[in-house]
Amino acid sequence: MATPVRTALLVRLEALPGREDDVRVFLNQGLSIVEGEPKTVRWFGLQFGPTSFGIFDAFPDEDGRQAHLSGEVAAALGENTGVLFEVRSLEQVDVVAEKQPA
């Protein structure tokens, strides 16, 4: 049985002109980083449109979310803001229902 999640983050990114492929690479690198975070139990790199991207990640509790916010991916977001993308929003959300992975 998968770990249930209660908290999450939704981050929206807008690629700077001509940096769309670099943002895709960034998201794929982010996946390899979060694989080492035991309390980041769901993680998705998203593309909403040609230049609009995002990250959705979920955690079993607030401690997991805070650990992630102080981790490597959050640091990489800060380092690459203004270089690859602009952060349009970073929302801390609560999960009220989920279908767990099989």
C-alpha atoms as a PDB file:
ATOM      1  CA  MET A   1       0.000   0.000   0.000  1.00  0.00           C
ATOM      2  CA  ALA A   2       1.299   3.461  -0.899  1.00  0.00           C
ATOM      3  CA  THR A   3       1.914   6.115   1.732  1.00  0.00           C
ATOM      4  CA  PRO A   4      -1.134   8.389   2.041  1.00  0.00           C
ATOM      5  CA  VAL A   5      -0.543  12.087   1.441  1.00  0.00           C
ATOM      6  CA  ARG A   6      -2.013  15.028   3.332  1.00  0.00           C
ATOM      7  CA  THR A   7       0.012  18.047   2.166  1.00  0.00           C
ATOM      8  CA  ALA A   8       1.318  19.161  -1.220  1.00  0.00           C
ATOM      9  CA  LEU A   9       2.951  21.912  -3.236  1.00  0.00           C
ATOM     10  CA  LEU A  10       1.907  23.295  -6.601  1.00  0.00           C
ATOM     11  CA  VAL A  11       4.518  25.409  -8.372  1.00  0.00           C
ATOM     12  CA  ARG A  12       3.870  27.157 -11.690  1.00  0.00           C
ATOM     13  CA  LEU A  13       6.830  28.133 -13.851  1.00  0.00           C
ATOM     14  CA  GLU A  14       6.974  30.203 -17.033  1.00  0.00           C
ATOM     15  CA  ALA A  15       9.953  29.414 -19.247  1.00  0.00           C
ATOM     16  CA  LEU A  16      12.008  32.368 -20.380  1.00  0.00           C
ATOM     17  CA  PRO A  17      12.073  32.803 -24.179  1.00  0.00           C
ATOM     18  CA  GLY A  18      13.945  29.956 -25.849  1.00  0.00           C
ATOM     19  CA  ARG A  19      14.516  28.074 -22.567  1.00  0.00           C
ATOM     20  CA  GLU A  20      11.647  25.567 -22.815  1.00  0.00           C
ATOM     21  CA  ASP A  21      13.927  22.572 -23.475  1.00  0.00           C
ATOM     22  CA  ASP A  22      16.138  23.628 -20.568  1.00  0.00           C
ATOM     23  CA  VAL A  23      13.109  23.712 -18.271  1.00  0.00           C
ATOM     24  CA  ARG A  24      12.229  20.144 -19.334  1.00  0.00           C
ATOM     25  CA  VAL A  25      15.794  19.076 -18.511  1.00  0.00           C
ATOM     26  CA  PHE A  26      15.541  20.884 -15.169  1.00  0.00           C
ATOM     27  CA  LEU A  27      12.345  18.998 -14.316  1.00  0.00           C
ATOM     28  CA  ASN A  28      13.922  15.654 -15.213  1.00  0.00           C
ATOM     29  CA  GLN A  29      16.908  16.465 -12.997  1.00  0.00           C
ATOM     30  CA  GLY A  30      14.496  17.403 -10.207  1.00  0.00           C
ATOM     31  CA  LEU A  31      13.019  13.927 -10.380  1.00  0.00           C
ATOM     32  CA  SER A  32      16.400  12.343  -9.693  1.00  0.00           C
ATOM     33  CA  ILE A  33      16.876  14.642  -6.674  1.00  0.00           C
ATOM     34  CA  VAL A  34      13.510  13.912  -5.054  1.00  0.00           C
ATOM     35  CA  GLU A  35      14.041  10.184  -5.404  1.00  0.00           C
ATOM     36  CA  GLY A  36      16.398  10.650  -2.432  1.00  0.00           C
ATOM     37  CA  GLU A  37      13.743  12.398  -0.313  1.00  0.00           C
ATOM     38  CA  PRO A  38      11.813   9.699   1.572  1.00  0.00           C
ATOM     39  CA  LYS A  39       8.988  12.056   2.580  1.00  0.00           C
ATOM     40  CA  THR A  40       8.392  13.314  -0.965  1.00  0.00           C
ATOM     41  CA  VAL A  41       6.073  10.444  -1.857  1.00  0.00           C
ATOM     42  CA  ARG A  42       4.568  11.851  -5.080  1.00  0.00           C
ATOM     43  CA  TRP A  43       6.329  14.168  -7.531  1.00  0.00           C
ATOM     44  CA  PHE A  44       5.300  15.301 -10.999  1.00  0.00           C
ATOM     45  CA  GLY A  45       7.002  17.590 -13.487  1.00  0.00           C
ATOM     46  CA  LEU A  46       4.238  19.156 -15.606  1.00  0.00           C
ATOM     47  CA  GLN A  47       3.808  21.068 -18.844  1.00  0.00           C
ATOM     48  CA  PHE A  48       0.623  23.123 -19.181  1.00  0.00           C
ATOM     49  CA  GLY A  49       1.392  24.750 -22.530  1.00  0.00           C
ATOM     50  CA  PRO A  50       4.289  25.674 -24.831  1.00  0.00           C
ATOM     51  CA  THR A  51       6.074  27.803 -22.206  1.00  0.00           C
ATOM     52  CA  SER A  52       4.131  27.003 -19.045  1.00  0.00           C
ATOM     53  CA  PHE A  53       5.423  24.302 -16.679  1.00  0.00           C
ATOM     54  CA  GLY A  54       4.933  23.193 -13.135  1.00  0.00           C
ATOM     55  CA  ILE A  55       5.726  20.851 -10.295  1.00  0.00           C
ATOM     56  CA  PHE A  56       3.230  19.030  -8.109  1.00  0.00           C
ATOM     57  CA  ASP A  57       4.569  17.107  -5.165  1.00  0.00           C
ATOM     58  CA  ALA A  58       2.869  15.551  -2.176  1.00  0.00           C
ATOM     59  CA  PHE A  59       3.887  14.532   1.328  1.00  0.00           C
ATOM     60  CA  PRO A  60       2.458  12.488   4.185  1.00  0.00           C
ATOM     61  CA  ASP A  61       2.641  15.447   6.580  1.00  0.00           C
ATOM     62  CA  GLU A  62       3.813  19.018   7.132  1.00  0.00           C
ATOM     63  CA  ASP A  63       7.285  17.864   8.220  1.00  0.00           C
ATOM     64  CA  GLY A  64       7.775  16.244   4.824  1.00  0.00           C
ATOM     65  CA  ARG A  65       6.677  19.371   3.003  1.00  0.00           C
ATOM     66  CA  GLN A  66       8.974  21.586   5.067  1.00  0.00           C
ATOM     67  CA  ALA A  67      11.914  19.211   4.551  1.00  0.00           C
ATOM     68  CA  HIS A  68      11.337  19.425   0.806  1.00  0.00           C
ATOM     69  CA  LEU A  69      11.068  23.222   0.897  1.00  0.00           C
ATOM     70  CA  SER A  70      14.492  23.379   2.512  1.00  0.00           C
ATOM     71  CA  GLY A  71      16.007  20.769   0.180  1.00  0.00           C
ATOM     72  CA  GLU A  72      17.908  20.644  -3.086  1.00  0.00           C
ATOM     73  CA  VAL A  73      14.995  21.144  -5.494  1.00  0.00           C
ATOM     74  CA  ALA A  74      13.880  24.303  -3.699  1.00  0.00           C
ATOM     75  CA  ALA A  75      17.451  25.593  -3.829  1.00  0.00           C
ATOM     76  CA  ALA A  76      17.639  24.775  -7.555  1.00  0.00           C
ATOM     77  CA  LEU A  77      14.363  26.645  -8.132  1.00  0.00           C
ATOM     78  CA  GLY A  78      15.894  29.723  -6.540  1.00  0.00           C
ATOM     79  CA  GLU A  79      19.133  29.408  -8.502  1.00  0.00           C
ATOM     80  CA  ASN A  80      17.323  29.062 -11.837  1.00  0.00           C
ATOM     81  CA  THR A  81      14.644  31.728 -11.357  1.00  0.00           C
ATOM     82  CA  GLY A  82      15.473  34.467 -13.832  1.00  0.00           C
ATOM     83  CA  VAL A  83      17.824  32.135 -15.715  1.00  0.00           C
ATOM     84  CA  LEU A  84      15.509  29.406 -17.077  1.00  0.00           C
ATOM     85  CA  PHE A  85      12.099  30.502 -15.837  1.00  0.00           C
ATOM     86  CA  GLU A  86      10.049  32.797 -13.674  1.00  0.00           C
ATOM     87  CA  VAL A  87       8.161  31.291 -10.746  1.00  0.00           C
ATOM     88  CA  ARG A  88       4.551  32.345 -11.259  1.00  0.00           C
ATOM     89  CA  SER A  89       3.255  30.812  -8.052  1.00  0.00           C
ATOM     90  CA  LEU A  90       4.180  28.437  -5.241  1.00  0.00           C
ATOM     91  CA  GLU A  91       1.161  27.238  -3.330  1.00  0.00           C
ATOM     92  CA  GLN A  92       1.094  25.079  -0.211  1.00  0.00           C
ATOM     93  CA  VAL A  93      -2.083  23.019  -0.440  1.00  0.00           C
ATOM     94  CA  ASP A  94      -3.792  20.325   1.591  1.00  0.00           C
ATOM     95  CA  VAL A  95      -4.893  17.071   0.006  1.00  0.00           C
ATOM     96  CA  VAL A  96      -8.526  16.262   0.829  1.00  0.00           C
ATOM     97  CA  ALA A  97      -8.839  13.098  -1.296  1.00  0.00           C
ATOM     98  CA  GLU A  98      -6.527  10.881  -3.303  1.00  0.00           C
ATOM     99  CA  LYS A  99      -6.470   7.727  -5.369  1.00  0.00           C
ATOM    100  CA  GLN A 100      -3.326   5.913  -4.361  1.00  0.00           C
ATOM    101  CA  PRO A 101      -1.052   4.371  -6.971  1.00  0.00           C
ATOM    102  CA  ALA A 102      -1.554   0.666  -7.604  1.00  0.00           C
END
